[in-house]
Amino acid sequence: MIYLKNLKNMVTLFRWMALT
């Protein structure tokens, strides 16, 4: 599902932001 993949991408981005 594209939506699910998009959501996972968003979560990864958020985690990346939290790391920095």
Protein backbone atom coordinates (compact mmCIF):
# COMPACT_ATOMS: atom_id res chain seq x y z
CA MET A 1 0.00 0.00 0.00
CA ILE A 2 1.38 3.40 -0.96
CA TYR A 3 -0.29 5.07 2.03
CA LEU A 4 1.36 2.68 4.45
CA LYS A 5 4.73 3.20 2.80
CA ASN A 6 4.25 6.96 3.01
CA LEU A 7 3.40 6.69 6.69
CA LYS A 8 6.52 4.64 7.36
CA ASN A 9 8.60 7.21 5.50
CA MET A 10 7.10 9.97 7.63
CA VAL A 11 7.85 8.11 10.84
CA THR A 12 11.43 7.56 9.74
CA LEU A 13 11.77 11.26 8.99
CA PHE A 14 10.39 12.16 12.38
CA ARG A 15 12.79 9.79 14.11
CA TRP A 16 15.65 11.31 12.13
CA MET A 17 14.61 14.77 13.25
CA ALA A 18 14.43 13.61 16.86
CA LEU A 19 17.95 12.19 16.55
CA THR A 20 19.45 15.49 15.49
